Amino acid sequence: MLHTIKMRKLAIFFAVLAILPLLILLSAELVSTLLKCTVKEVLPTDCKLFNYDIGMILAVAYTAGWAVLLTLPTAGIGAYICYIKSLKTSRTSENKNGAQ
């Protein structure tokens, strides 16, 4: 039972890790759209939020979106494997408990 819970938590962790760069990219896109500023990854931009220039932060967040190409397949496969393994161990433990 404890092994199943750990595997499900690990699967959730891998799933969050897989989509985290995408969420960062989408949040940067949302902020730049709401502030009506154009963010360029090469040039400095003038994007003010509470009188603080966040243009470079948004540019880094846009660039971090490329990490999706690495994290989505690897962490996604890890999440899938952990979830399937947790299902198998829960079925095995249910069958053992039912046989007794």
PDB file of N, CA and C in Angstrom:
ATOM      1  N   MET A   1       0.823  -1.198   0.000  1.00  0.00           N
ATOM      2  CA  MET A   1       0.000   0.000   0.000  1.00  0.00           C
ATOM      3  C   MET A   1       0.863   1.256   0.000  1.00  0.00           C
ATOM      4  N   LEU A   2       1.877   1.261   0.862  1.00  0.00           N
ATOM      5  CA  LEU A   2       2.746   2.424   0.958  1.00  0.00           C
ATOM      6  C   LEU A   2       3.532   2.617  -0.336  1.00  0.00           C
ATOM      7  N   HIS A   3       3.938   1.511  -0.949  1.00  0.00           N
ATOM      8  CA  HIS A   3       4.664   1.580  -2.224  1.00  0.00           C
ATOM      9  C   HIS A   3       3.784   2.183  -3.314  1.00  0.00           C
ATOM     10  N   THR A   4       2.513   1.857  -3.318  1.00  0.00           N
ATOM     11  CA  THR A   4       1.580   2.391  -4.313  1.00  0.00           C
ATOM     12  C   THR A   4       1.423   3.898  -4.155  1.00  0.00           C
ATOM     13  N   ILE A   5       1.306   4.364  -2.933  1.00  0.00           N
ATOM     14  CA  ILE A   5       1.151   5.797  -2.672  1.00  0.00           C
ATOM     15  C   ILE A   5       2.406   6.555  -3.092  1.00  0.00           C
ATOM     16  N   LYS A   6       3.577   5.990  -2.792  1.00  0.00           N
ATOM     17  CA  LYS A   6       4.819   6.640  -3.191  1.00  0.00           C
ATOM     18  C   LYS A   6       4.941   6.715  -4.708  1.00  0.00           C
ATOM     19  N   MET A   7       4.546   5.661  -5.396  1.00  0.00           N
ATOM     20  CA  MET A   7       4.635   5.655  -6.853  1.00  0.00           C
ATOM     21  C   MET A   7       3.668   6.663  -7.461  1.00  0.00           C
ATOM     22  N   ARG A   8       2.479   6.807  -6.891  1.00  0.00           N
ATOM     23  CA  ARG A   8       1.532   7.796  -7.405  1.00  0.00           C
ATOM     24  C   ARG A   8       2.033   9.216  -7.166  1.00  0.00           C
ATOM     25  N   LYS A   9       2.632   9.467  -6.004  1.00  0.00           N
ATOM     26  CA  LYS A   9       3.203  10.790  -5.734  1.00  0.00           C
ATOM     27  C   LYS A   9       4.356  11.083  -6.681  1.00  0.00           C
ATOM     28  N   LEU A  10       5.155  10.079  -6.961  1.00  0.00           N
ATOM     29  CA  LEU A  10       6.259  10.249  -7.902  1.00  0.00           C
ATOM     30  C   LEU A  10       5.733  10.502  -9.313  1.00  0.00           C
ATOM     31  N   ALA A  11       4.647   9.845  -9.682  1.00  0.00           N
ATOM     32  CA  ALA A  11       4.034  10.072 -10.993  1.00  0.00           C
ATOM     33  C   ALA A  11       3.508  11.498 -11.100  1.00  0.00           C
ATOM     34  N   ILE A  12       2.881  11.998 -10.041  1.00  0.00           N
ATOM     35  CA  ILE A  12       2.379  13.378 -10.039  1.00  0.00           C
ATOM     36  C   ILE A  12       3.546  14.365 -10.133  1.00  0.00           C
ATOM     37  N   PHE A  13       4.623  14.087  -9.409  1.00  0.00           N
ATOM     38  CA  PHE A  13       5.799  14.951  -9.468  1.00  0.00           C
ATOM     39  C   PHE A  13       6.367  15.008 -10.892  1.00  0.00           C
ATOM     40  N   PHE A  14       6.505  13.854 -11.526  1.00  0.00           N
ATOM     41  CA  PHE A  14       7.017  13.822 -12.897  1.00  0.00           C
ATOM     42  C   PHE A  14       6.083  14.535 -13.867  1.00  0.00           C
ATOM     43  N   ALA A  15       4.784  14.403 -13.676  1.00  0.00           N
ATOM     44  CA  ALA A  15       3.825  15.075 -14.559  1.00  0.00           C
ATOM     45  C   ALA A  15       3.929  16.593 -14.421  1.00  0.00           C
ATOM     46  N   VAL A  16       4.061  17.079 -13.201  1.00  0.00           N
ATOM     47  CA  VAL A  16       4.217  18.521 -12.982  1.00  0.00           C
ATOM     48  C   VAL A  16       5.539  19.002 -13.570  1.00  0.00           C
ATOM     49  N   LEU A  17       6.589  18.217 -13.382  1.00  0.00           N
ATOM     50  CA  LEU A  17       7.892  18.560 -13.934  1.00  0.00           C
ATOM     51  C   LEU A  17       7.856  18.593 -15.462  1.00  0.00           C
ATOM     52  N   ALA A  18       7.046  17.735 -16.055  1.00  0.00           N
ATOM     53  CA  ALA A  18       6.964  17.676 -17.513  1.00  0.00           C
ATOM     54  C   ALA A  18       6.326  18.936 -18.091  1.00  0.00           C
ATOM     55  N   ILE A  19       5.319  19.474 -17.430  1.00  0.00           N
ATOM     56  CA  ILE A  19       4.603  20.620 -18.008  1.00  0.00           C
ATOM     57  C   ILE A  19       4.989  21.965 -17.398  1.00  0.00           C
ATOM     58  N   LEU A  20       5.889  21.964 -16.423  1.00  0.00           N
ATOM     59  CA  LEU A  20       6.272  23.216 -15.768  1.00  0.00           C
ATOM     60  C   LEU A  20       6.863  24.255 -16.729  1.00  0.00           C
ATOM     61  N   PRO A  21       7.791  23.906 -17.627  1.00  0.00           N
ATOM     62  CA  PRO A  21       8.287  24.928 -18.554  1.00  0.00           C
ATOM     63  C   PRO A  21       7.194  25.491 -19.463  1.00  0.00           C
ATOM     64  N   LEU A  22       6.237  24.670 -19.824  1.00  0.00           N
ATOM     65  CA  LEU A  22       5.121  25.145 -20.641  1.00  0.00           C
ATOM     66  C   LEU A  22       4.263  26.136 -19.863  1.00  0.00           C
ATOM     67  N   LEU A  23       4.035  25.861 -18.589  1.00  0.00           N
ATOM     68  CA  LEU A  23       3.268  26.786 -17.758  1.00  0.00           C
ATOM     69  C   LEU A  23       3.999  28.115 -17.581  1.00  0.00           C
ATOM     70  N   ILE A  24       5.319  28.060 -17.448  1.00  0.00           N
ATOM     71  CA  ILE A  24       6.110  29.295 -17.330  1.00  0.00           C
ATOM     72  C   ILE A  24       5.996  30.098 -18.616  1.00  0.00           C
ATOM     73  N   LEU A  25       6.101  29.428 -19.750  1.00  0.00           N
ATOM     74  CA  LEU A  25       5.990  30.102 -21.039  1.00  0.00           C
ATOM     75  C   LEU A  25       4.616  30.737 -21.222  1.00  0.00           C
ATOM     76  N   LEU A  26       3.571  30.005 -20.884  1.00  0.00           N
ATOM     77  CA  LEU A  26       2.216  30.538 -21.034  1.00  0.00           C
ATOM     78  C   LEU A  26       1.953  31.701 -20.087  1.00  0.00           C
ATOM     79  N   SER A  27       2.502  31.641 -18.883  1.00  0.00           N
ATOM     80  CA  SER A  27       2.315  32.757 -17.952  1.00  0.00           C
ATOM     81  C   SER A  27       3.069  34.001 -18.438  1.00  0.00           C
ATOM     82  N   ALA A  28       4.236  33.819 -19.030  1.00  0.00           N
ATOM     83  CA  ALA A  28       4.963  34.961 -19.593  1.00  0.00           C
ATOM     84  C   ALA A  28       4.191  35.559 -20.759  1.00  0.00           C
ATOM     85  N   GLU A  29       3.597  34.719 -21.576  1.00  0.00           N
ATOM     86  CA  GLU A  29       2.788  35.209 -22.692  1.00  0.00           C
ATOM     87  C   GLU A  29       1.569  35.978 -22.184  1.00  0.00           C
ATOM     88  N   LEU A  30       0.937  35.472 -21.137  1.00  0.00           N
ATOM     89  CA  LEU A  30      -0.222  36.141 -20.557  1.00  0.00           C
ATOM     90  C   LEU A  30       0.152  37.510 -19.984  1.00  0.00           C
ATOM     91  N   VAL A  31       1.260  37.573 -19.264  1.00  0.00           N
ATOM     92  CA  VAL A  31       1.688  38.841 -18.673  1.00  0.00           C
ATOM     93  C   VAL A  31       2.042  39.851 -19.755  1.00  0.00           C
ATOM     94  N   SER A  32       2.765  39.410 -20.773  1.00  0.00           N
ATOM     95  CA  SER A  32       3.135  40.359 -21.835  1.00  0.00           C
ATOM     96  C   SER A  32       1.916  40.815 -22.632  1.00  0.00           C
ATOM     97  N   THR A  33       0.916  39.966 -22.766  1.00  0.00           N
ATOM     98  CA  THR A  33      -0.314  40.367 -23.448  1.00  0.00           C
ATOM     99  C   THR A  33      -1.109  41.358 -22.599  1.00  0.00           C
ATOM    100  N   LEU A  34      -1.196  41.100 -21.307  1.00  0.00           N
ATOM    101  CA  LEU A  34      -1.934  42.007 -20.430  1.00  0.00           C
ATOM    102  C   LEU A  34      -1.265  43.372 -20.323  1.00  0.00           C
ATOM    103  N   LEU A  35       0.059  43.390 -20.339  1.00  0.00           N
ATOM    104  CA  LEU A  35       0.788  44.654 -20.250  1.00  0.00           C
ATOM    105  C   LEU A  35       0.977  45.321 -21.608  1.00  0.00           C
ATOM    106  N   LYS A  36       0.559  44.641 -22.658  1.00  0.00           N
ATOM    107  CA  LYS A  36       0.651  45.150 -24.030  1.00  0.00           C
ATOM    108  C   LYS A  36       2.081  45.560 -24.394  1.00  0.00           C
ATOM    109  N   CYS A  37       2.998  44.646 -24.131  1.00  0.00           N
ATOM    110  CA  CYS A  37       4.380  44.897 -24.510  1.00  0.00           C
ATOM    111  C   CYS A  37       4.889  43.744 -25.370  1.00  0.00           C
ATOM    112  N   THR A  38       5.787  44.064 -26.272  1.00  0.00           N
ATOM    113  CA  THR A  38       6.369  43.076 -27.154  1.00  0.00           C
ATOM    114  C   THR A  38       7.697  42.627 -26.563  1.00  0.00           C
ATOM    115  N   VAL A  39       7.814  41.341 -26.311  1.00  0.00           N
ATOM    116  CA  VAL A  39       9.032  40.810 -25.716  1.00  0.00           C
ATOM    117  C   VAL A  39       9.860  40.171 -26.815  1.00  0.00           C
ATOM    118  N   LYS A  40      11.111  40.595 -26.898  1.00  0.00           N
ATOM    119  CA  LYS A  40      12.054  40.019 -27.845  1.00  0.00           C
ATOM    120  C   LYS A  40      13.168  39.364 -27.042  1.00  0.00           C
ATOM    121  N   GLU A  41      13.540  38.174 -27.455  1.00  0.00           N
ATOM    122  CA  GLU A  41      14.553  37.440 -26.706  1.00  0.00           C
ATOM    123  C   GLU A  41      15.946  38.009 -26.900  1.00  0.00           C
ATOM    124  N   VAL A  42      16.162  38.772 -27.948  1.00  0.00           N
ATOM    125  CA  VAL A  42      17.488  39.294 -28.251  1.00  0.00           C
ATOM    126  C   VAL A  42      17.673  40.719 -27.737  1.00  0.00           C
ATOM    127  N   LEU A  43      16.682  41.561 -27.961  1.00  0.00           N
ATOM    128  CA  LEU A  43      16.798  42.967 -27.616  1.00  0.00           C
ATOM    129  C   LEU A  43      16.119  43.274 -26.284  1.00  0.00           C
ATOM    130  N   PRO A  44      16.626  44.269 -25.567  1.00  0.00           N
ATOM    131  CA  PRO A  44      15.932  44.668 -24.337  1.00  0.00           C
ATOM    132  C   PRO A  44      14.580  45.308 -24.667  1.00  0.00           C
ATOM    133  N   THR A  45      13.620  45.033 -23.834  1.00  0.00           N
ATOM    134  CA  THR A  45      12.281  45.574 -24.047  1.00  0.00           C
ATOM    135  C   THR A  45      11.888  46.428 -22.856  1.00  0.00           C
ATOM    136  N   ASP A  46      10.966  47.326 -23.091  1.00  0.00           N
ATOM    137  CA  ASP A  46      10.479  48.199 -22.033  1.00  0.00           C
ATOM    138  C   ASP A  46       9.100  47.697 -21.613  1.00  0.00           C
ATOM    139  N   CYS A  47       9.099  46.820 -20.655  1.00  0.00           N
ATOM    140  CA  CYS A  47       7.850  46.229 -20.167  1.00  0.00           C
ATOM    141  C   CYS A  47       7.789  46.486 -18.657  1.00  0.00           C
ATOM    142  N   LYS A  48       6.951  47.416 -18.266  1.00  0.00           N
ATOM    143  CA  LYS A  48       6.910  47.847 -16.861  1.00  0.00           C
ATOM    144  C   LYS A  48       5.732  47.211 -16.122  1.00  0.00           C
ATOM    145  N   LEU A  49       6.019  46.758 -14.904  1.00  0.00           N
ATOM    146  CA  LEU A  49       5.001  46.252 -13.988  1.00  0.00           C
ATOM    147  C   LEU A  49       5.312  46.841 -12.622  1.00  0.00           C
ATOM    148  N   PHE A  50       4.402  47.652 -12.100  1.00  0.00           N
ATOM    149  CA  PHE A  50       4.601  48.355 -10.835  1.00  0.00           C
ATOM    150  C   PHE A  50       5.902  49.166 -10.854  1.00  0.00           C
ATOM    151  N   ASN A  51       6.144  49.852 -11.963  1.00  0.00           N
ATOM    152  CA  ASN A  51       7.315  50.701 -12.160  1.00  0.00           C
ATOM    153  C   ASN A  51       8.632  49.916 -12.088  1.00  0.00           C
ATOM    154  N   TYR A  52       8.585  48.657 -12.449  1.00  0.00           N
ATOM    155  CA  TYR A  52       9.766  47.797 -12.477  1.00  0.00           C
ATOM    156  C   TYR A  52       9.816  47.126 -13.842  1.00  0.00           C
ATOM    157  N   ASP A  53      10.965  47.191 -14.489  1.00  0.00           N
ATOM    158  CA  ASP A  53      11.113  46.630 -15.827  1.00  0.00           C
ATOM    159  C   ASP A  53      11.262  45.107 -15.728  1.00  0.00           C
ATOM    160  N   ILE A  54      10.283  44.375 -16.255  1.00  0.00           N
ATOM    161  CA  ILE A  54      10.323  42.912 -16.221  1.00  0.00           C
ATOM    162  C   ILE A  54      10.549  42.325 -17.611  1.00  0.00           C
ATOM    163  N   GLY A  55      11.016  43.134 -18.537  1.00  0.00           N
ATOM    164  CA  GLY A  55      11.224  42.666 -19.902  1.00  0.00           C
ATOM    165  C   GLY A  55      12.213  41.519 -19.989  1.00  0.00           C
ATOM    166  N   MET A  56      13.312  41.604 -19.243  1.00  0.00           N
ATOM    167  CA  MET A  56      14.313  40.544 -19.288  1.00  0.00           C
ATOM    168  C   MET A  56      13.809  39.262 -18.616  1.00  0.00           C
ATOM    169  N   ILE A  57      13.030  39.420 -17.561  1.00  0.00           N
ATOM    170  CA  ILE A  57      12.444  38.247 -16.901  1.00  0.00           C
ATOM    171  C   ILE A  57      11.512  37.520 -17.861  1.00  0.00           C
ATOM    172  N   LEU A  58      10.710  38.278 -18.591  1.00  0.00           N
ATOM    173  CA  LEU A  58       9.811  37.670 -19.565  1.00  0.00           C
ATOM    174  C   LEU A  58      10.587  37.016 -20.706  1.00  0.00           C
ATOM    175  N   ALA A  59      11.687  37.641 -21.116  1.00  0.00           N
ATOM    176  CA  ALA A  59      12.509  37.053 -22.182  1.00  0.00           C
ATOM    177  C   ALA A  59      13.116  35.728 -21.738  1.00  0.00           C
ATOM    178  N   VAL A  60      13.560  35.669 -20.487  1.00  0.00           N
ATOM    179  CA  VAL A  60      14.103  34.414 -19.953  1.00  0.00           C
ATOM    180  C   VAL A  60      13.004  33.357 -19.858  1.00  0.00           C
ATOM    181  N   ALA A  61      11.802  33.770 -19.480  1.00  0.00           N
ATOM    182  CA  ALA A  61      10.684  32.829 -19.394  1.00  0.00           C
ATOM    183  C   ALA A  61      10.314  32.296 -20.776  1.00  0.00           C
ATOM    184  N   TYR A  62      10.376  33.147 -21.792  1.00  0.00           N
ATOM    185  CA  TYR A  62      10.128  32.682 -23.156  1.00  0.00           C
ATOM    186  C   TYR A  62      11.193  31.676 -23.580  1.00  0.00           C
ATOM    187  N   THR A  63      12.436  31.961 -23.252  1.00  0.00           N
ATOM    188  CA  THR A  63      13.527  31.064 -23.612  1.00  0.00           C
ATOM    189  C   THR A  63      13.422  29.741 -22.854  1.00  0.00           C
ATOM    190  N   ALA A  64      12.938  29.795 -21.617  1.00  0.00           N
ATOM    191  CA  ALA A  64      12.780  28.572 -20.833  1.00  0.00           C
ATOM    192  C   ALA A  64      11.727  27.651 -21.434  1.00  0.00           C
ATOM    193  N   GLY A  65      10.873  28.190 -22.270  1.00  0.00           N
ATOM    194  CA  GLY A  65       9.875  27.353 -22.927  1.00  0.00           C
ATOM    195  C   GLY A  65      10.483  26.278 -23.797  1.00  0.00           C
ATOM    196  N   TRP A  66      11.719  26.497 -24.261  1.00  0.00           N
ATOM    197  CA  TRP A  66      12.386  25.473 -25.062  1.00  0.00           C
ATOM    198  C   TRP A  66      12.690  24.222 -24.241  1.00  0.00           C
ATOM    199  N   ALA A  67      12.717  24.331 -22.934  1.00  0.00           N
ATOM    200  CA  ALA A  67      12.977  23.169 -22.079  1.00  0.00           C
ATOM    201  C   ALA A  67      11.867  22.136 -22.179  1.00  0.00           C
ATOM    202  N   VAL A  68      10.712  22.533 -22.703  1.00  0.00           N
ATOM    203  CA  VAL A  68       9.603  21.592 -22.888  1.00  0.00           C
ATOM    204  C   VAL A  68      10.019  20.449 -23.802  1.00  0.00           C
ATOM    205  N   LEU A  69      10.880  20.750 -24.764  1.00  0.00           N
ATOM    206  CA  LEU A  69      11.337  19.711 -25.688  1.00  0.00           C
ATOM    207  C   LEU A  69      12.100  18.606 -24.971  1.00  0.00           C
ATOM    208  N   LEU A  70      12.680  18.916 -23.820  1.00  0.00           N
ATOM    209  CA  LEU A  70      13.396  17.912 -23.044  1.00  0.00           C
ATOM    210  C   LEU A  70      12.527  17.316 -21.938  1.00  0.00           C
ATOM    211  N   THR A  71      11.825  18.178 -21.206  1.00  0.00           N
ATOM    212  CA  THR A  71      11.106  17.682 -20.032  1.00  0.00           C
ATOM    213  C   THR A  71       9.824  16.936 -20.374  1.00  0.00           C
ATOM    214  N   LEU A  72       9.135  17.345 -21.420  1.00  0.00           N
ATOM    215  CA  LEU A  72       7.866  16.698 -21.738  1.00  0.00           C
ATOM    216  C   LEU A  72       8.029  15.219 -22.072  1.00  0.00           C
ATOM    217  N   PRO A  73       8.947  14.837 -22.955  1.00  0.00           N
ATOM    218  CA  PRO A  73       9.073  13.408 -23.226  1.00  0.00           C
ATOM    219  C   PRO A  73       9.677  12.617 -22.067  1.00  0.00           C
ATOM    220  N   THR A  74      10.740  13.137 -21.452  1.00  0.00           N
ATOM    221  CA  THR A  74      11.415  12.346 -20.419  1.00  0.00           C
ATOM    222  C   THR A  74      10.591  12.243 -19.141  1.00  0.00           C
ATOM    223  N   ALA A  75      10.148  13.366 -18.615  1.00  0.00           N
ATOM    224  CA  ALA A  75       9.357  13.322 -17.385  1.00  0.00           C
ATOM    225  C   ALA A  75       7.970  12.756 -17.653  1.00  0.00           C
ATOM    226  N   GLY A  76       7.444  12.973 -18.858  1.00  0.00           N
ATOM    227  CA  GLY A  76       6.146  12.387 -19.206  1.00  0.00           C
ATOM    228  C   GLY A  76       6.200  10.881 -19.226  1.00  0.00           C
ATOM    229  N   ILE A  77       7.256  10.324 -19.789  1.00  0.00           N
ATOM    230  CA  ILE A  77       7.424   8.865 -19.798  1.00  0.00           C
ATOM    231  C   ILE A  77       7.635   8.352 -18.381  1.00  0.00           C
ATOM    232  N   GLY A  78       8.404   9.093 -17.580  1.00  0.00           N
ATOM    233  CA  GLY A  78       8.602   8.705 -16.182  1.00  0.00           C
ATOM    234  C   GLY A  78       7.298   8.701 -15.403  1.00  0.00           C
ATOM    235  N   ALA A  79       6.466   9.700 -15.631  1.00  0.00           N
ATOM    236  CA  ALA A  79       5.158   9.762 -14.954  1.00  0.00           C
ATOM    237  C   ALA A  79       4.284   8.601 -15.389  1.00  0.00           C
ATOM    238  N   TYR A  80       4.300   8.292 -16.670  1.00  0.00           N
ATOM    239  CA  TYR A  80       3.494   7.176 -17.192  1.00  0.00           C
ATOM    240  C   TYR A  80       3.944   5.849 -16.589  1.00  0.00           C
ATOM    241  N   ILE A  81       5.248   5.628 -16.541  1.00  0.00           N
ATOM    242  CA  ILE A  81       5.773   4.374 -15.986  1.00  0.00           C
ATOM    243  C   ILE A  81       5.426   4.255 -14.510  1.00  0.00           C
ATOM    244  N   CYS A  82       5.601   5.331 -13.739  1.00  0.00           N
ATOM    245  CA  CYS A  82       5.289   5.289 -12.300  1.00  0.00           C
ATOM    246  C   CYS A  82       3.806   5.052 -12.056  1.00  0.00           C
ATOM    247  N   TYR A  83       2.958   5.674 -12.868  1.00  0.00           N
ATOM    248  CA  TYR A  83       1.520   5.499 -12.683  1.00  0.00           C
ATOM    249  C   TYR A  83       1.094   4.073 -13.018  1.00  0.00           C
ATOM    250  N   ILE A  84       1.600   3.519 -14.104  1.00  0.00           N
ATOM    251  CA  ILE A  84       1.268   2.141 -14.471  1.00  0.00           C
ATOM    252  C   ILE A  84       1.779   1.174 -13.415  1.00  0.00           C
ATOM    253  N   LYS A  85       2.974   1.439 -12.908  1.00  0.00           N
ATOM    254  CA  LYS A  85       3.527   0.570 -11.860  1.00  0.00           C
ATOM    255  C   LYS A  85       2.690   0.647 -10.584  1.00  0.00           C
ATOM    256  N   SER A  86       2.190   1.839 -10.250  1.00  0.00           N
ATOM    257  CA  SER A  86       1.349   1.970  -9.055  1.00  0.00           C
ATOM    258  C   SER A  86       0.024   1.240  -9.245  1.00  0.00           C
ATOM    259  N   LEU A  87      -0.505   1.272 -10.465  1.00  0.00           N
ATOM    260  CA  LEU A  87      -1.747   0.528 -10.727  1.00  0.00           C
ATOM    261  C   LEU A  87      -1.528  -0.973 -10.596  1.00  0.00           C
ATOM    262  N   LYS A  88      -0.404  -1.454 -11.098  1.00  0.00           N
ATOM    263  CA  LYS A  88      -0.113  -2.884 -11.014  1.00  0.00           C
ATOM    264  C   LYS A  88       0.079  -3.327  -9.571  1.00  0.00           C
ATOM    265  N   THR A  89       0.779  -2.520  -8.767  1.00  0.00           N
ATOM    266  CA  THR A  89       0.992  -2.905  -7.370  1.00  0.00           C
ATOM    267  C   THR A  89      -0.304  -2.825  -6.570  1.00  0.00           C
ATOM    268  N   SER A  90      -1.176  -1.877  -6.910  1.00  0.00           N
ATOM    269  CA  SER A  90      -2.449  -1.811  -6.178  1.00  0.00           C
ATOM    270  C   SER A  90      -3.338  -2.997  -6.542  1.00  0.00           C
ATOM    271  N   ARG A  91      -3.324  -3.415  -7.801  1.00  0.00           N
ATOM    272  CA  ARG A  91      -4.105  -4.597  -8.202  1.00  0.00           C
ATOM    273  C   ARG A  91      -3.554  -5.867  -7.565  1.00  0.00           C
ATOM    274  N   THR A  92      -2.223  -5.954  -7.480  1.00  0.00           N
ATOM    275  CA  THR A  92      -1.600  -7.122  -6.866  1.00  0.00           C
ATOM    276  C   THR A  92      -1.947  -7.202  -5.391  1.00  0.00           C
ATOM    277  N   SER A  93      -1.910  -6.065  -4.706  1.00  0.00           N
ATOM    278  CA  SER A  93      -2.235  -6.062  -3.273  1.00  0.00           C
ATOM    279  C   SER A  93      -3.716  -6.348  -3.046  1.00  0.00           C
ATOM    280  N   GLU A  94      -4.597  -5.877  -3.959  1.00  0.00           N
ATOM    281  CA  GLU A  94      -6.026  -6.184  -3.842  1.00  0.00           C
ATOM    282  C   GLU A  94      -6.285  -7.656  -4.052  1.00  0.00           C
ATOM    283  N   ASN A  95      -5.576  -8.266  -5.002  1.00  0.00           N
ATOM    284  CA  ASN A  95      -5.753  -9.692  -5.246  1.00  0.00           C
ATOM    285  C   ASN A  95      -5.249 -10.518  -4.054  1.00  0.00           C
ATOM    286  N   LYS A  96      -4.155 -10.106  -3.435  1.00  0.00           N
ATOM    287  CA  LYS A  96      -3.645 -10.814  -2.266  1.00  0.00           C
ATOM    288  C   LYS A  96      -4.601 -10.674  -1.092  1.00  0.00           C
ATOM    289  N   ASN A  97      -5.175  -9.494  -0.892  1.00  0.00           N
ATOM    290  CA  ASN A  97      -6.113  -9.274   0.206  1.00  0.00           C
ATOM    291  C   ASN A  97      -7.416 -10.012  -0.039  1.00  0.00           C
ATOM    292  N   GLY A  98      -7.846 -10.095  -1.283  1.00  0.00           N
ATOM    293  CA  GLY A  98      -9.085 -10.790  -1.615  1.00  0.00           C
ATOM    294  C   GLY A  98      -8.965 -12.299  -1.492  1.00  0.00           C
ATOM    295  N   ALA A  99      -7.759 -12.838  -1.689  1.00  0.00           N
ATOM    296  CA  ALA A  99      -7.551 -14.279  -1.624  1.00  0.00           C
ATOM    297  C   ALA A  99      -7.507 -14.758  -0.183  1.00  0.00           C
ATOM    298  N   GLN A 100      -7.223 -13.874   0.749  1.00  0.00           N
ATOM    299  CA  GLN A 100      -7.122 -14.287   2.156  1.00  0.00           C
ATOM    300  C   GLN A 100      -8.454 -14.381   2.738  1.00  0.00           C
TER     301      GLN A 100
END
